């Protein structure tokens, strides 16, 4: 298993290549005013690899303590692109955290019939 870890202030993103899928684990806090400059290149590279290698991507937010509304923008952009390209993506969030439930339930707009996007409740570790 290959793994790469990226850190920007209090936010850490670890991308694991598990052979059949890519798992993107988010942890810490995302408070940057423009988090896209850090997040977008990581997500773009992961989606490009997933498309090239025909693998699914899991975006695991269960260990995120806090993220501002600006953090959702690059996530929405990558989900939109994945949906258009038919890349299978599962977004897992901590359903037991009210702020995550509110933030991620709004992303269910990507989950219409036949969509390659799933938004799944999980639990904090």
Foldseek 3Di string as FASTA:
>chain_A
DDKDWDDDVQKIWMWDCPPQEIEIEIAGEADDPQCCVVPQVVLVVRLVVCLVVVHAYEYEDAHYPYYDPNVVVSVLVSLVVCQVSVHAYEYEYACVDVVRVVVQVVVCVQVDPPTSYHYYYDHHD
